[in-house]
């Protein structure tokens, strides 16, 4: 748990715990199928996911794309093909989840 320092009214420093999700870990997209295990609330940021198929192999995934108002929810067995070059964030929604990433075409 993170802690935040504050100055108390009497001048001494106080430290209080804060609850924030860890920042998403950033991944670059591989040229072969990759599997990621995400714990509940854990996020993974995909820097360049254009032409990648994201599939939930287990658990529920929440996908958001920068500059896109949609929230995409994948249940086990469901997939989504990324068509944009914007960064994509994938989170495990209600428990551990397994994300499969499969390139749809060769990348340079």
N, C-alpha and C. Protein backbone atom coordinates (compact mmCIF):
# COMPACT_ATOMS: atom_id res chain seq x y z
N UNK A 1 0.84 -1.16 0.00
CA UNK A 1 0.00 0.00 0.00
C UNK A 1 0.89 1.23 0.00
N UNK A 2 0.57 2.18 -0.86
CA UNK A 2 1.35 3.41 -0.94
C UNK A 2 1.04 4.30 0.25
N UNK A 3 1.96 5.20 0.55
CA UNK A 3 1.77 6.14 1.65
C UNK A 3 1.99 7.54 1.11
N UNK A 4 1.25 8.50 1.62
CA UNK A 4 1.38 9.89 1.21
C UNK A 4 1.73 10.72 2.43
N UNK A 5 2.73 11.59 2.29
CA UNK A 5 3.13 12.45 3.41
C UNK A 5 2.32 13.73 3.38
N UNK A 6 1.90 14.15 4.55
CA UNK A 6 1.15 15.39 4.72
C UNK A 6 1.75 16.19 5.86
N UNK A 7 1.58 17.49 5.82
CA UNK A 7 1.98 18.31 6.96
C UNK A 7 0.76 18.49 7.85
N UNK A 8 0.89 18.07 9.11
CA UNK A 8 -0.20 18.21 10.08
C UNK A 8 -0.28 19.66 10.55
N UNK A 9 -1.43 20.09 11.11
CA UNK A 9 -1.58 21.47 11.58
C UNK A 9 -0.53 21.87 12.60
N UNK A 10 -0.03 20.94 13.40
CA UNK A 10 0.97 21.30 14.41
C UNK A 10 2.39 21.33 13.83
N UNK A 11 2.51 21.13 12.50
CA UNK A 11 3.81 21.25 11.86
C UNK A 11 4.56 19.95 11.64
N UNK A 12 4.17 18.85 12.30
CA UNK A 12 4.90 17.61 12.08
C UNK A 12 4.39 16.92 10.81
N UNK A 13 5.24 16.07 10.26
CA UNK A 13 4.86 15.35 9.05
C UNK A 13 4.09 14.10 9.43
N UNK A 14 3.00 13.86 8.73
CA UNK A 14 2.19 12.67 8.95
C UNK A 14 2.18 11.87 7.65
N UNK A 15 2.05 10.60 7.77
CA UNK A 15 2.01 9.73 6.60
C UNK A 15 0.73 8.91 6.68
N UNK A 16 -0.05 8.93 5.60
CA UNK A 16 -1.29 8.16 5.59
C UNK A 16 -1.25 7.19 4.42
N UNK A 17 -1.86 6.01 4.59
CA UNK A 17 -1.90 5.06 3.48
C UNK A 17 -2.87 5.54 2.41
N UNK A 18 -2.56 5.28 1.17
CA UNK A 18 -3.47 5.58 0.07
C UNK A 18 -3.69 4.31 -0.72
N UNK A 19 -4.87 4.17 -1.27
CA UNK A 19 -5.18 2.99 -2.07
C UNK A 19 -5.32 3.43 -3.53
N UNK A 20 -4.34 3.10 -4.30
CA UNK A 20 -4.36 3.38 -5.74
C UNK A 20 -3.94 2.12 -6.46
N UNK A 21 -4.56 1.90 -7.59
CA UNK A 21 -4.12 0.78 -8.40
C UNK A 21 -2.72 1.11 -8.92
N UNK A 22 -1.91 0.10 -9.03
CA UNK A 22 -0.57 0.31 -9.58
C UNK A 22 -0.71 0.78 -11.02
N UNK A 23 0.20 1.63 -11.48
CA UNK A 23 0.12 2.05 -12.88
C UNK A 23 0.26 0.84 -13.79
N UNK A 24 -0.41 0.87 -14.93
CA UNK A 24 -0.33 -0.29 -15.81
C UNK A 24 1.09 -0.53 -16.30
N UNK A 25 1.44 -1.78 -16.40
CA UNK A 25 2.74 -2.15 -16.96
C UNK A 25 2.62 -2.06 -18.47
N UNK A 26 3.60 -1.41 -19.11
CA UNK A 26 3.53 -1.24 -20.56
C UNK A 26 4.24 -2.38 -21.26
N UNK A 27 3.61 -2.87 -22.32
CA UNK A 27 4.16 -3.96 -23.12
C UNK A 27 4.27 -3.51 -24.57
N UNK A 28 5.31 -3.92 -25.25
CA UNK A 28 5.37 -3.75 -26.70
C UNK A 28 4.82 -5.02 -27.31
N UNK A 29 4.28 -4.89 -28.50
CA UNK A 29 3.60 -6.01 -29.10
C UNK A 29 4.59 -6.98 -29.75
N UNK A 30 4.48 -8.26 -29.43
CA UNK A 30 5.37 -9.28 -29.99
C UNK A 30 4.92 -9.67 -31.39
N UNK A 31 5.75 -10.41 -32.10
CA UNK A 31 5.41 -10.90 -33.43
C UNK A 31 4.82 -12.31 -33.39
N UNK A 32 4.64 -12.88 -32.22
CA UNK A 32 4.06 -14.21 -32.07
C UNK A 32 2.98 -14.14 -30.99
N UNK A 33 2.14 -15.16 -30.93
CA UNK A 33 1.10 -15.20 -29.91
C UNK A 33 1.72 -15.16 -28.52
N UNK A 34 1.16 -14.33 -27.67
CA UNK A 34 1.66 -14.15 -26.31
C UNK A 34 0.49 -14.27 -25.35
N UNK A 35 0.75 -14.79 -24.16
CA UNK A 35 -0.27 -14.93 -23.12
C UNK A 35 0.17 -14.15 -21.90
N UNK A 36 -0.74 -13.31 -21.36
CA UNK A 36 -0.47 -12.53 -20.16
C UNK A 36 -1.47 -12.92 -19.07
N UNK A 37 -0.98 -13.11 -17.86
CA UNK A 37 -1.84 -13.35 -16.70
C UNK A 37 -2.00 -12.03 -15.96
N UNK A 38 -3.23 -11.61 -15.76
CA UNK A 38 -3.52 -10.37 -15.04
C UNK A 38 -4.29 -10.72 -13.77
N UNK A 39 -3.86 -10.20 -12.65
CA UNK A 39 -4.59 -10.38 -11.40
C UNK A 39 -5.72 -9.35 -11.34
N UNK A 40 -6.70 -9.57 -10.49
CA UNK A 40 -7.84 -8.66 -10.35
C UNK A 40 -7.34 -7.23 -10.14
N UNK A 41 -7.82 -6.31 -10.97
CA UNK A 41 -7.46 -4.91 -10.86
C UNK A 41 -6.14 -4.55 -11.52
N UNK A 42 -5.37 -5.54 -11.94
CA UNK A 42 -4.09 -5.28 -12.60
C UNK A 42 -4.35 -4.88 -14.05
N UNK A 43 -3.57 -3.94 -14.55
CA UNK A 43 -3.73 -3.47 -15.92
C UNK A 43 -2.43 -3.63 -16.69
N UNK A 44 -2.57 -3.81 -17.99
CA UNK A 44 -1.43 -3.88 -18.90
C UNK A 44 -1.69 -2.89 -20.03
N UNK A 45 -0.72 -2.04 -20.30
CA UNK A 45 -0.85 -1.04 -21.36
C UNK A 45 -0.08 -1.54 -22.58
N UNK A 46 -0.79 -1.63 -23.71
CA UNK A 46 -0.21 -2.11 -24.95
C UNK A 46 0.10 -0.91 -25.83
N UNK A 47 1.39 -0.66 -26.04
CA UNK A 47 1.83 0.56 -26.72
C UNK A 47 1.43 0.59 -28.20
N UNK A 48 1.50 -0.51 -28.89
CA UNK A 48 1.16 -0.55 -30.31
C UNK A 48 0.45 -1.86 -30.61
N UNK A 49 -0.85 -1.87 -30.42
CA UNK A 49 -1.61 -3.11 -30.58
C UNK A 49 -2.36 -3.18 -31.90
N UNK A 50 -2.11 -2.23 -32.81
CA UNK A 50 -2.80 -2.26 -34.11
C UNK A 50 -2.60 -3.64 -34.75
N UNK A 51 -3.67 -4.15 -35.34
CA UNK A 51 -3.66 -5.45 -36.02
C UNK A 51 -3.33 -6.60 -35.07
N UNK A 52 -3.88 -6.51 -33.85
CA UNK A 52 -3.70 -7.58 -32.86
C UNK A 52 -5.07 -8.06 -32.41
N UNK A 53 -5.22 -9.35 -32.28
CA UNK A 53 -6.44 -9.95 -31.75
C UNK A 53 -6.23 -10.17 -30.26
N UNK A 54 -7.09 -9.56 -29.42
CA UNK A 54 -7.06 -9.74 -27.98
C UNK A 54 -8.18 -10.72 -27.63
N UNK A 55 -7.84 -11.79 -26.93
CA UNK A 55 -8.83 -12.82 -26.58
C UNK A 55 -8.72 -13.13 -25.10
N UNK A 56 -9.88 -13.26 -24.45
CA UNK A 56 -9.90 -13.70 -23.06
C UNK A 56 -9.85 -15.22 -23.04
N UNK A 57 -8.73 -15.76 -22.57
CA UNK A 57 -8.61 -17.22 -22.42
C UNK A 57 -9.24 -17.67 -21.11
N UNK A 58 -9.34 -16.75 -20.14
CA UNK A 58 -9.97 -17.03 -18.85
C UNK A 58 -10.25 -15.70 -18.16
N UNK A 59 -11.34 -15.62 -17.44
CA UNK A 59 -11.68 -14.41 -16.70
C UNK A 59 -12.27 -13.32 -17.58
N UNK A 60 -12.66 -12.23 -16.93
CA UNK A 60 -13.28 -11.10 -17.62
C UNK A 60 -12.27 -9.97 -17.77
N UNK A 61 -12.14 -9.47 -19.00
CA UNK A 61 -11.20 -8.40 -19.30
C UNK A 61 -11.95 -7.12 -19.66
N UNK A 62 -11.40 -6.00 -19.24
CA UNK A 62 -11.94 -4.68 -19.56
C UNK A 62 -10.90 -3.98 -20.42
N UNK A 63 -11.30 -3.60 -21.63
CA UNK A 63 -10.38 -2.98 -22.59
C UNK A 63 -10.81 -1.54 -22.81
N UNK A 64 -9.84 -0.63 -22.71
CA UNK A 64 -10.07 0.77 -23.07
C UNK A 64 -8.98 1.17 -24.06
N UNK A 65 -9.36 2.07 -24.97
CA UNK A 65 -8.44 2.55 -26.00
C UNK A 65 -8.36 4.07 -25.85
N UNK A 66 -7.14 4.61 -25.82
CA UNK A 66 -6.98 6.06 -25.72
C UNK A 66 -7.77 6.75 -26.84
N UNK A 67 -8.46 7.83 -26.49
CA UNK A 67 -9.24 8.65 -27.42
C UNK A 67 -10.42 7.89 -28.03
N UNK A 68 -10.93 6.88 -27.34
CA UNK A 68 -12.08 6.09 -27.78
C UNK A 68 -13.00 5.95 -26.58
N UNK A 69 -14.24 6.37 -26.71
CA UNK A 69 -15.17 6.39 -25.58
C UNK A 69 -15.70 5.01 -25.20
N UNK A 70 -15.46 4.00 -26.02
CA UNK A 70 -16.01 2.68 -25.74
C UNK A 70 -15.31 2.00 -24.57
N UNK A 71 -16.07 1.21 -23.85
CA UNK A 71 -15.56 0.24 -22.88
C UNK A 71 -15.85 -1.12 -23.48
N UNK A 72 -14.83 -1.93 -23.65
CA UNK A 72 -15.00 -3.24 -24.27
C UNK A 72 -14.78 -4.29 -23.19
N UNK A 73 -15.77 -5.15 -23.00
CA UNK A 73 -15.70 -6.22 -22.00
C UNK A 73 -15.63 -7.55 -22.73
N UNK A 74 -14.63 -8.34 -22.39
CA UNK A 74 -14.49 -9.68 -22.97
C UNK A 74 -14.67 -10.73 -21.90
N UNK A 75 -15.59 -11.65 -22.14
CA UNK A 75 -15.78 -12.82 -21.30
C UNK A 75 -14.92 -13.95 -21.89
N UNK A 76 -14.69 -15.03 -21.14
CA UNK A 76 -13.86 -16.13 -21.66
C UNK A 76 -14.32 -16.59 -23.04
N UNK A 77 -13.35 -16.70 -23.95
CA UNK A 77 -13.62 -17.14 -25.31
C UNK A 77 -13.92 -16.01 -26.28
N UNK A 78 -14.22 -14.83 -25.78
CA UNK A 78 -14.51 -13.69 -26.66
C UNK A 78 -13.22 -12.98 -27.04
N UNK A 79 -13.24 -12.35 -28.23
CA UNK A 79 -12.07 -11.63 -28.69
C UNK A 79 -12.43 -10.29 -29.29
N UNK A 80 -11.41 -9.48 -29.49
CA UNK A 80 -11.55 -8.14 -30.07
C UNK A 80 -10.31 -7.86 -30.91
N UNK A 81 -10.52 -7.39 -32.14
CA UNK A 81 -9.40 -7.04 -33.01
C UNK A 81 -9.15 -5.54 -32.94
N UNK A 82 -7.94 -5.17 -32.60
CA UNK A 82 -7.57 -3.75 -32.48
C UNK A 82 -7.25 -3.21 -33.87
N UNK A 83 -7.91 -2.11 -34.23
CA UNK A 83 -7.72 -1.52 -35.56
C UNK A 83 -7.04 -0.16 -35.51
N UNK A 84 -6.68 0.30 -34.33
CA UNK A 84 -6.10 1.63 -34.16
C UNK A 84 -4.67 1.52 -33.64
N UNK A 85 -3.91 2.56 -33.85
CA UNK A 85 -2.55 2.62 -33.31
C UNK A 85 -2.49 3.27 -31.94
N UNK A 86 -3.64 3.68 -31.40
CA UNK A 86 -3.68 4.30 -30.07
C UNK A 86 -3.33 3.26 -29.01
N UNK A 87 -2.72 3.69 -27.91
CA UNK A 87 -2.45 2.75 -26.81
C UNK A 87 -3.74 2.11 -26.27
N UNK A 88 -3.62 0.85 -25.89
CA UNK A 88 -4.75 0.07 -25.38
C UNK A 88 -4.40 -0.37 -23.96
N UNK A 89 -5.37 -0.23 -23.05
CA UNK A 89 -5.19 -0.70 -21.68
C UNK A 89 -6.15 -1.85 -21.43
N UNK A 90 -5.62 -2.96 -20.93
CA UNK A 90 -6.43 -4.14 -20.64
C UNK A 90 -6.32 -4.42 -19.15
N UNK A 91 -7.47 -4.58 -18.48
CA UNK A 91 -7.51 -4.84 -17.04
C UNK A 91 -8.31 -6.10 -16.75
N UNK A 92 -7.90 -6.82 -15.71
CA UNK A 92 -8.68 -7.95 -15.21
C UNK A 92 -9.80 -7.36 -14.36
N UNK A 93 -11.04 -7.64 -14.71
CA UNK A 93 -12.16 -6.93 -14.11
C UNK A 93 -12.60 -7.49 -12.77
N UNK A 94 -12.93 -8.77 -12.70
CA UNK A 94 -13.54 -9.28 -11.47
C UNK A 94 -12.74 -10.38 -10.79
N UNK A 95 -11.60 -10.68 -11.30
CA UNK A 95 -10.75 -11.72 -10.74
C UNK A 95 -9.59 -11.94 -11.68
N UNK A 96 -8.76 -12.94 -11.45
CA UNK A 96 -7.65 -13.19 -12.36
C UNK A 96 -8.17 -13.45 -13.77
N UNK A 97 -7.39 -13.04 -14.76
CA UNK A 97 -7.78 -13.24 -16.15
C UNK A 97 -6.54 -13.55 -16.97
N UNK A 98 -6.76 -14.23 -18.09
CA UNK A 98 -5.68 -14.56 -19.00
C UNK A 98 -5.99 -13.92 -20.35
N UNK A 99 -5.05 -13.11 -20.83
CA UNK A 99 -5.18 -12.41 -22.11
C UNK A 99 -4.25 -13.05 -23.13
N UNK A 100 -4.82 -13.46 -24.26
CA UNK A 100 -4.01 -13.92 -25.38
C UNK A 100 -3.93 -12.80 -26.40
N UNK A 101 -2.71 -12.51 -26.87
CA UNK A 101 -2.46 -11.50 -27.89
C UNK A 101 -1.94 -12.21 -29.13
N UNK A 102 -2.63 -12.03 -30.24
CA UNK A 102 -2.22 -12.70 -31.47
C UNK A 102 -2.16 -11.68 -32.59
N UNK A 103 -0.97 -11.51 -33.22
CA UNK A 103 -0.88 -10.57 -34.34
C UNK A 103 -1.72 -11.06 -35.51
N UNK A 104 -2.41 -10.13 -36.16
CA UNK A 104 -3.23 -10.48 -37.32
C UNK A 104 -2.43 -10.44 -38.61
N UNK A 105 -1.30 -9.73 -38.59
CA UNK A 105 -0.43 -9.65 -39.77
C UNK A 105 1.00 -9.42 -39.29
N UNK A 106 1.94 -9.62 -40.17
CA UNK A 106 3.35 -9.43 -39.80
C UNK A 106 3.61 -7.96 -39.51
N UNK A 107 4.42 -7.71 -38.51
CA UNK A 107 4.82 -6.35 -38.15
C UNK A 107 6.25 -6.14 -38.60
N UNK A 108 6.58 -4.90 -38.98
CA UNK A 108 7.98 -4.64 -39.38
C UNK A 108 8.92 -4.75 -38.21
